[in-house]
Structures are given as structure tokens and as C-alpha cells.
Protein backbone atom coordinates (compact mmCIF):
# COMPACT_ATOMS: atom_id res chain seq x y z
CA UNK A 1 0.00 0.00 0.00
CA UNK A 2 1.47 3.38 -0.97
CA UNK A 3 1.59 6.33 1.45
CA UNK A 4 -1.48 8.09 0.03
CA UNK A 5 -3.65 4.97 0.28
CA UNK A 6 -2.40 4.31 3.80
CA UNK A 7 -3.38 7.85 4.86
CA UNK A 8 -6.80 7.52 3.24
CA UNK A 9 -7.40 4.17 4.92
CA UNK A 10 -6.46 5.63 8.30
CA UNK A 11 -8.76 8.61 7.81
CA UNK A 12 -11.67 6.35 6.87
CA UNK A 13 -11.19 4.38 10.07
CA UNK A 14 -11.00 7.59 12.12
CA UNK A 15 -14.29 8.92 10.76
CA UNK A 16 -15.97 5.55 11.04
CA UNK A 17 -16.65 4.72 7.40
CA UNK A 18 -15.34 1.19 7.74
CA UNK A 19 -18.04 -0.08 10.10
CA UNK A 20 -21.25 -0.75 8.14
CA UNK A 21 -22.97 -2.22 11.22
CA UNK A 22 -22.89 1.15 12.99
CA UNK A 23 -26.02 3.01 12.03
CA UNK A 24 -27.62 5.89 13.89
CA UNK A 25 -27.40 6.80 17.56
CA UNK A 26 -29.39 5.20 20.37
CA UNK A 27 -32.91 4.55 19.16
CA UNK A 28 -34.49 6.82 21.79
CA UNK A 29 -32.79 9.78 20.11
CA UNK A 30 -33.99 9.09 16.61
CA UNK A 31 -37.60 10.17 16.37
CA UNK A 32 -40.39 7.84 15.19
CA UNK A 33 -39.54 7.56 11.48
CA UNK A 34 -35.80 7.00 11.73
CA UNK A 35 -36.32 4.74 14.74
CA UNK A 36 -38.66 2.55 12.68
CA UNK A 37 -36.25 2.54 9.72
CA UNK A 38 -33.38 1.38 11.93
CA UNK A 39 -35.59 -1.27 13.54
CA UNK A 40 -36.76 -2.46 10.11
CA UNK A 41 -33.18 -2.29 8.79
CA UNK A 42 -34.44 -0.76 5.51
CA UNK A 43 -35.76 2.48 4.09
CA UNK A 44 -39.11 2.33 2.28
CA UNK A 45 -38.84 4.66 -0.70
CA UNK A 46 -41.97 5.76 -2.58
CA UNK A 47 -41.52 6.67 -6.24
CA UNK A 48 -43.64 7.45 -9.27
CA UNK A 49 -42.28 5.76 -12.39
CA UNK A 50 -40.78 8.30 -14.79
CA UNK A 51 -37.86 7.98 -17.22
CA UNK A 52 -34.62 9.15 -15.69
CA UNK A 53 -36.15 9.63 -12.24
CA UNK A 54 -37.47 6.20 -11.28
CA UNK A 55 -37.68 3.23 -13.64
CA UNK A 56 -37.08 -0.53 -13.53
CA UNK A 57 -33.46 -1.42 -14.26
CA UNK A 58 -34.25 -4.66 -16.12
CA UNK A 59 -32.92 -6.94 -13.39
CA UNK A 60 -35.64 -6.60 -10.78
CA UNK A 61 -34.39 -3.37 -9.25
CA UNK A 62 -34.92 0.33 -9.77
CA UNK A 63 -32.71 3.15 -10.99
CA UNK A 64 -33.00 6.90 -11.47
CA UNK A 65 -32.44 10.32 -9.97
CA UNK A 66 -35.13 9.89 -7.30
CA UNK A 67 -34.05 6.33 -6.50
CA UNK A 68 -30.48 7.51 -5.98
CA UNK A 69 -31.67 10.05 -3.42
CA UNK A 70 -33.20 7.21 -1.41
CA UNK A 71 -29.94 5.30 -1.81
CA UNK A 72 -28.13 8.36 -0.43
CA UNK A 73 -30.34 8.31 2.67
CA UNK A 74 -29.66 4.60 3.18
CA UNK A 75 -25.93 5.28 2.82
CA UNK A 76 -26.11 8.00 5.47
CA UNK A 77 -28.01 5.78 7.90
CA UNK A 78 -26.64 2.29 7.25
CA UNK A 79 -23.45 2.84 5.24
CA UNK A 80 -25.24 0.65 2.69
CA UNK A 81 -27.11 2.28 -0.22
CA UNK A 82 -28.88 -0.96 -1.08
CA UNK A 83 -30.89 -1.07 2.14
CA UNK A 84 -33.94 0.39 0.44
CA UNK A 85 -37.24 -1.04 -0.72
CA UNK A 86 -38.55 0.88 -3.71
CA UNK A 87 -42.35 1.03 -3.80
CA UNK A 88 -43.98 2.18 -7.02
CA UNK A 89 -46.92 4.53 -6.41
CA UNK A 90 -49.62 5.82 -8.77
CA UNK A 91 -49.08 9.47 -9.64
CA UNK A 92 -52.50 10.58 -8.40
CA UNK A 93 -52.41 8.56 -5.19
CA UNK A 94 -48.85 8.94 -4.01
CA UNK A 95 -49.64 10.86 -0.82
CA UNK A 96 -51.82 8.22 0.89
CA UNK A 97 -49.05 5.62 1.29
CA UNK A 98 -46.79 8.26 2.85
CA UNK A 99 -49.40 9.47 5.33
CA UNK A 100 -50.36 5.88 6.09
CA UNK A 101 -46.78 4.91 6.92
CA UNK A 102 -46.33 2.49 4.00
CA UNK A 103 -43.37 4.53 2.77
CA UNK A 104 -40.93 6.69 4.73
CA UNK A 105 -40.44 9.24 1.99
CA UNK A 106 -41.75 10.26 -1.40
CA UNK A 107 -38.51 10.66 -3.30
CA UNK A 108 -40.18 13.25 -5.50
CA UNK A 109 -43.73 14.49 -5.50
CA UNK A 110 -45.87 16.68 -7.67
CA UNK A 111 -44.54 20.20 -8.09
CA UNK A 112 -44.36 22.31 -4.94
CA UNK A 113 -47.27 24.75 -4.64
CA UNK A 114 -49.00 26.55 -1.78
CA UNK A 115 -52.11 24.39 -1.94
CA UNK A 116 -50.13 21.15 -1.93
CA UNK A 117 -47.89 22.33 0.91
CA UNK A 118 -50.57 23.86 3.12
CA UNK A 119 -53.45 21.44 2.63
CA UNK A 120 -51.56 18.19 3.16
CA UNK A 121 -50.20 16.49 6.27
CA UNK A 122 -46.85 16.32 4.52
CA UNK A 123 -43.84 18.59 4.04
CA UNK A 124 -41.68 19.36 1.04
CA UNK A 125 -38.10 19.03 2.27
CA UNK A 126 -36.48 21.14 -0.45
CA UNK A 127 -36.03 21.39 -4.20
CA UNK A 128 -34.06 18.57 -5.78
CA UNK A 129 -35.09 19.43 -9.35
CA UNK A 130 -36.20 22.76 -10.80
CA UNK A 131 -38.73 22.03 -13.51
CA UNK A 132 -41.39 23.99 -15.36
CA UNK A 133 -43.45 24.05 -18.51
CA UNK A 134 -41.53 24.52 -21.72
CA UNK A 135 -41.58 23.65 -25.41
CA UNK A 136 -40.10 21.10 -27.76
CA UNK A 137 -39.74 22.08 -31.44
CA UNK A 138 -38.04 20.77 -34.53
CA UNK A 139 -34.58 22.21 -34.99
CA UNK A 140 -35.47 23.17 -38.54
CA UNK A 141 -37.73 25.92 -37.14
CA UNK A 142 -34.70 27.68 -35.60
CA UNK A 143 -36.44 29.00 -32.48
CA UNK A 144 -33.94 29.95 -29.78
CA UNK A 145 -36.19 30.17 -26.72
CA UNK A 146 -39.81 30.08 -25.58
CA UNK A 147 -40.14 33.85 -25.95
CA UNK A 148 -39.43 33.56 -29.69
CA UNK A 149 -42.51 31.46 -30.39
CA UNK A 150 -45.19 33.18 -32.42
CA UNK A 151 -47.53 32.10 -35.18
CA UNK A 152 -47.24 28.47 -34.10
CA UNK A 153 -49.55 25.58 -33.33
CA UNK A 154 -48.91 23.82 -30.03
CA UNK A 155 -49.93 20.32 -28.99
CA UNK A 156 -50.92 19.99 -25.32
CA UNK A 157 -53.17 17.94 -23.07
CA UNK A 158 -56.68 19.40 -23.06
CA UNK A 159 -58.24 20.87 -19.91
CA UNK A 160 -54.88 20.71 -18.12
CA UNK A 161 -52.91 23.37 -16.20
CA UNK A 162 -50.48 23.30 -19.13
CA UNK A 163 -53.21 24.34 -21.57
CA UNK A 164 -54.21 27.27 -19.34
CA UNK A 165 -50.59 28.36 -18.97
CA UNK A 166 -50.14 28.26 -22.74
CA UNK A 167 -53.07 30.58 -23.32
CA UNK A 168 -51.79 33.02 -20.68
CA UNK A 169 -48.27 32.94 -22.12
CA UNK A 170 -49.20 33.80 -25.68
CA UNK A 171 -51.94 36.28 -24.77
CA UNK A 172 -49.63 38.18 -22.41
CA UNK A 173 -47.08 38.43 -25.21
CA UNK A 174 -49.78 39.35 -27.75
CA UNK A 175 -48.41 36.61 -30.00
CA UNK A 176 -50.48 34.60 -32.45
CA UNK A 177 -50.88 30.90 -31.66
CA UNK A 178 -53.12 27.88 -32.04
CA UNK A 179 -53.65 25.37 -29.27
CA UNK A 180 -54.34 21.82 -30.40
CA UNK A 181 -55.66 19.89 -27.44
CA UNK A 182 -55.58 16.12 -26.92
CA UNK A 183 -57.09 13.95 -24.17
CA UNK A 184 -53.75 12.79 -22.70
CA UNK A 185 -50.09 13.79 -22.59
CA UNK A 186 -49.29 10.69 -24.63
CA UNK A 187 -51.80 11.62 -27.33
CA UNK A 188 -50.37 15.15 -27.53
CA UNK A 189 -46.85 13.74 -27.87
CA UNK A 190 -47.96 11.33 -30.62
CA UNK A 191 -49.61 14.18 -32.51
CA UNK A 192 -46.41 16.23 -32.32
CA UNK A 193 -44.37 13.26 -33.56
CA UNK A 194 -46.80 12.91 -36.49
CA UNK A 195 -46.28 16.55 -37.46
CA UNK A 196 -49.73 17.77 -36.45
CA UNK A 197 -48.30 20.81 -34.65
CA UNK A 198 -45.18 22.98 -34.56
CA UNK A 199 -44.43 22.54 -30.87
CA UNK A 200 -45.22 20.30 -27.92
CA UNK A 201 -45.67 21.86 -24.48
CA UNK A 202 -45.29 20.07 -21.14
CA UNK A 203 -42.99 20.06 -18.13
CA UNK A 204 -39.44 19.84 -19.42
CA UNK A 205 -38.69 16.53 -17.70
CA UNK A 206 -41.52 14.94 -19.69
CA UNK A 207 -40.37 16.67 -22.88
CA UNK A 208 -36.91 15.12 -22.56
CA UNK A 209 -38.49 11.70 -22.00
CA UNK A 210 -40.70 12.21 -25.07
CA UNK A 211 -37.77 13.30 -27.22
CA UNK A 212 -35.91 10.12 -26.34
CA UNK A 213 -38.69 8.06 -27.94
CA UNK A 214 -38.83 10.00 -31.23
CA UNK A 215 -37.45 8.43 -34.41
CA UNK A 216 -34.73 11.11 -34.71
CA UNK A 217 -34.26 12.74 -31.27
CA UNK A 218 -31.37 14.88 -32.51
CA UNK A 219 -33.75 16.74 -34.82
CA UNK A 220 -35.70 18.17 -31.86
CA UNK A 221 -34.79 20.82 -29.28
CA UNK A 222 -36.11 21.59 -25.81
CA UNK A 223 -36.16 25.38 -25.86
CA UNK A 224 -34.63 27.46 -23.09
CA UNK A 225 -37.06 29.47 -21.03
CA UNK A 226 -40.02 28.28 -18.97
CA UNK A 227 -43.56 29.63 -18.78
CA UNK A 228 -44.34 28.14 -15.35
CA UNK A 229 -42.44 27.09 -12.24
CA UNK A 230 -42.64 23.45 -11.14
CA UNK A 231 -40.02 22.76 -8.45
CA UNK A 232 -39.92 19.17 -7.23
CA UNK A 233 -38.35 17.50 -4.25
CA UNK A 234 -38.61 14.90 -1.48
CA UNK A 235 -41.71 14.88 0.74
CA UNK A 236 -42.05 13.52 4.29
CA UNK A 237 -44.86 13.28 6.85
CA UNK A 238 -45.50 16.20 9.16
CA UNK A 239 -44.79 15.77 12.85
CA UNK A 240 -41.29 14.24 12.77
CA UNK A 241 -38.81 17.12 12.76
CA UNK A 242 -35.86 14.79 13.20
CA UNK A 243 -36.55 12.86 10.00
CA UNK A 244 -37.38 16.06 8.13
CA UNK A 245 -33.99 17.53 9.09
CA UNK A 246 -32.08 14.37 8.14
CA UNK A 247 -33.66 14.22 4.68
CA UNK A 248 -33.21 17.95 4.12
CA UNK A 249 -29.55 17.92 5.10
CA UNK A 250 -28.80 14.90 2.95
CA UNK A 251 -30.00 16.93 -0.03
CA UNK A 252 -28.03 19.97 1.15
CA UNK A 253 -24.88 17.90 1.65
CA UNK A 254 -24.99 16.48 -1.88
CA UNK A 255 -25.25 20.01 -3.28
CA UNK A 256 -22.50 21.30 -0.98
CA UNK A 257 -20.25 18.43 -2.03
CA UNK A 258 -20.57 19.43 -5.67
CA UNK A 259 -19.83 23.06 -4.84
CA UNK A 260 -16.71 22.01 -2.93
CA UNK A 261 -15.58 19.71 -5.74
CA UNK A 262 -15.98 16.53 -3.69
CA UNK A 263 -17.19 13.84 -6.08
CA UNK A 264 -17.71 10.10 -5.83
CA UNK A 265 -14.48 9.53 -7.74
CA UNK A 266 -12.44 11.84 -5.52
CA UNK A 267 -13.98 11.53 -2.06
CA UNK A 268 -11.22 9.32 -0.61
CA UNK A 269 -8.55 11.79 -1.68
CA UNK A 270 -10.66 14.64 -0.26
CA UNK A 271 -10.30 13.11 3.22
CA UNK A 272 -6.76 14.50 3.33
CA UNK A 273 -7.76 17.96 2.07
CA UNK A 274 -6.63 20.98 4.07
CA UNK A 275 -9.81 22.87 3.11
CA UNK A 276 -11.69 23.32 6.39
CA UNK A 277 -15.10 23.24 4.70
CA UNK A 278 -14.31 19.88 3.05
CA UNK A 279 -12.99 18.45 6.30
CA UNK A 280 -16.19 19.47 8.13
CA UNK A 281 -18.37 18.11 5.32
CA UNK A 282 -16.71 14.68 5.41
CA UNK A 283 -16.54 14.46 9.20
CA UNK A 284 -12.76 14.68 9.46
CA UNK A 285 -13.21 17.70 11.75
CA UNK A 286 -16.15 18.19 14.08
CA UNK A 287 -19.21 16.02 14.47
CA UNK A 288 -22.04 17.50 12.45
CA UNK A 289 -23.96 14.24 12.27
CA UNK A 290 -24.81 14.03 15.97
CA UNK A 291 -27.78 16.38 15.71
CA UNK A 292 -29.24 14.16 12.98
CA UNK A 293 -28.66 10.90 14.81
CA UNK A 294 -25.83 10.00 12.45
CA UNK A 295 -22.09 9.46 12.72
CA UNK A 296 -19.62 12.17 11.82
CA UNK A 297 -18.78 10.50 8.50
CA UNK A 298 -22.36 10.38 7.18
CA UNK A 299 -21.67 12.68 4.23
CA UNK A 300 -18.57 10.67 3.33
CA UNK A 301 -20.83 7.61 3.18
CA UNK A 302 -23.32 9.38 0.90
CA UNK A 303 -20.68 10.60 -1.55
CA UNK A 304 -18.66 7.38 -1.49
CA UNK A 305 -21.63 5.14 -2.24
CA UNK A 306 -23.88 7.39 -4.35
CA UNK A 307 -22.13 10.64 -5.27
CA UNK A 308 -22.72 14.37 -5.08
CA UNK A 309 -25.58 16.15 -6.85
CA UNK A 310 -23.65 16.43 -10.12
CA UNK A 311 -22.75 12.73 -10.07
CA UNK A 312 -26.38 11.73 -9.64
CA UNK A 313 -27.74 14.22 -12.20
CA UNK A 314 -25.20 13.31 -14.86
CA UNK A 315 -25.69 9.57 -14.38
CA UNK A 316 -29.49 9.62 -14.62
CA UNK A 317 -30.50 12.77 -16.49
CA UNK A 318 -27.49 14.50 -18.04
CA UNK A 319 -26.07 14.60 -21.56
CA UNK A 320 -24.46 11.17 -21.20
CA UNK A 321 -27.74 9.55 -20.11
CA UNK A 322 -30.61 8.37 -22.27
CA UNK A 323 -32.48 11.62 -21.64
CA UNK A 324 -29.58 13.91 -22.60
CA UNK A 325 -30.86 16.70 -20.34
CA UNK A 326 -29.07 20.03 -19.91
CA UNK A 327 -28.82 21.19 -16.30
CA UNK A 328 -29.93 24.80 -16.94
CA UNK A 329 -31.71 25.95 -13.75
CA UNK A 330 -30.32 22.91 -11.94
CA UNK A 331 -26.78 24.28 -12.16
CA UNK A 332 -25.17 25.57 -8.97
CA UNK A 333 -26.02 29.14 -8.02
CA UNK A 334 -22.35 30.02 -8.60
CA UNK A 335 -22.64 28.84 -12.22
CA UNK A 336 -25.84 30.64 -13.17
CA UNK A 337 -28.38 28.13 -11.85
CA UNK A 338 -30.72 28.03 -8.83
CA UNK A 339 -29.09 25.19 -6.90
CA UNK A 340 -28.08 26.53 -3.49
CA UNK A 341 -27.65 24.91 -0.09
CA UNK A 342 -26.61 25.99 3.42
CA UNK A 343 -23.17 24.86 4.55
CA UNK A 344 -22.35 21.94 6.81
CA UNK A 345 -20.81 23.72 9.77
């Protein structure tokens, strides 16, 4: 073993990463949800199937951006990202299983709005993905952004929030347009593929999934610019502040790790960094896991097993994935995006 590897191995032992059996603190300190998870020895993760976010992996398991967030929680708690049970939920009935205790977390819910936040016995933890309604067009039309659209026909699901937003968007801009409504999102996408309209409008995550299925995806662009806001993120039950804080800070830590340049590939080397912020993040200095019921090295576990925010986005959604999604608003705040998190300190 060379000197660098010896140092890294020693640091891992010091921060406790080498003891998978050590989970959270004494069960009386955990709160009801984490206490039940530790007792069960697994995290129950509720997902809604969607390309890139949560989908079967072909071998009996699940993969995706939302699934990896649940894996990150399991890594923080158990030092084992595979200690999760993924439970597929119907899109319109995802909240009941959470409130009923069948799942510990909704890895991603419907977009965060006042009515959904205030009227439910559940809490949005934070924003893991900034989405919104946009447009897909054929590259041959040479539109640069949503604000350039005028004199176009747009396929959209009838009697949907997206149809209402479309009308508002074009009327506010005093631009000419024609809405062509269809009974479902799938029917609207099929009509666009058949050339029955100039543009397709939906949340951008769905547009990227639709583009992937087209005969020539490269001939279609998802325009920059959104006409609505649709932030998404993990949701937990109300009444368990401890679990809420643990889930929230796991998301924060993955964002902070990207900002500090601590990736899955480089996390072992980062253990010997002299950067105080990195040392605090990875538990080399201080114990910032105690308040969450976790060991000091909990962020190291998350990054080592799953990765930082960039790792997870690129793997499941980014240009190298099947969706080929640009990060846009999901870039760090320091790079022109909206992604921002408090520091671990």
C-alpha cells in the first residue's frame, strides 16, 4: 500500500466509514420515522415511475435520480445504499401511502405549490429538481427560446394546467398561436411526432423523455425558457422534525459536495484535504452528524456510495444519459443556476 492509500485508509477508520454495522445513535434519540427505519433495517422509498427519475433497471431493481436520493439516505443511515425497498406509487395517489406509513419518503412528489404544501399532512423538504413548462420544437424551425414562439400551433393535453398556462403565455405576449388539445399527454406527444403541430408543451422533464422516444431525437430541441415554475423534491410526513432535518440535510450535503468539488471519484482523496469546509463536510473535523442521529462520516458515506448532486444528475438525467438533459436551472447558483444549499458547519 502506498503512502497516500495508507493515509486515506487511516482517515476512513477515524471517521468511522469502515463499520457498516454502525447506524444511527441510540434509538431513543432518533424520532419515530428514523427509529422505525433502523428497527426495520431498511428504508421504504416511494416513487412514481418516470424515465430518468425512477424506472425498472431490467434486473428486478430500480434506478433513477429519485431512486439515488433514497440510496443516499440509506448510505447516510446504514453505510449501505442498497438497504432500500422501492415502492412504485400511482401518480394521483402517491400521498396516501406516505401518510399511512407504507413509505418513509416520497422521493419526488408533484410540483411544490401553496395548496399542496398547506393542505396536506406532509412537508416538502427542499427542491431537488427545478422544472417547469416549456416547449419542444423541430430544430429546422430555428427558435432559440420560448419567448421567440409566435404564429405556431402547439400540442398539449386538453383541460390541463399546461393548456391554461399556454393561453396566458401567448396572450400576455400578444403573440399569435393555435392550441391543439388532446385527451392525454401521450396523445399530444404522438400528434407532435406525427407533425400535427409545430411545438409540444409540457414540463421539461416529460419533454426530454418524449424526445428520447422519437425516431430522430437529434432533430428536436427543448427550448430554453419556462412559462411556469414546477419545483420538485422529497416529501415527508408532518410531525417528525428529526426525519425532516435528516432528509433535508442529505439533499443539502450532496449540493454542498458538488460546490466544494468533492465527487464520488475523488472523495477518498478529499479526506486529506486541508480545506476546512471539506474536512467538516466529510466528518474529518467536528461532528455534524450528531444532531441528525448519524455518525460524523455520514456525508462521506453518501458521496462514497452514491455521489454528489452532479454525479447523480449526470448519471441519470445529463447529456451522457438516455435523456440527454441540460442542467440549466439545476446548475449551482455560482454557475448561473438556482441550486443553493446551506453549509455543513
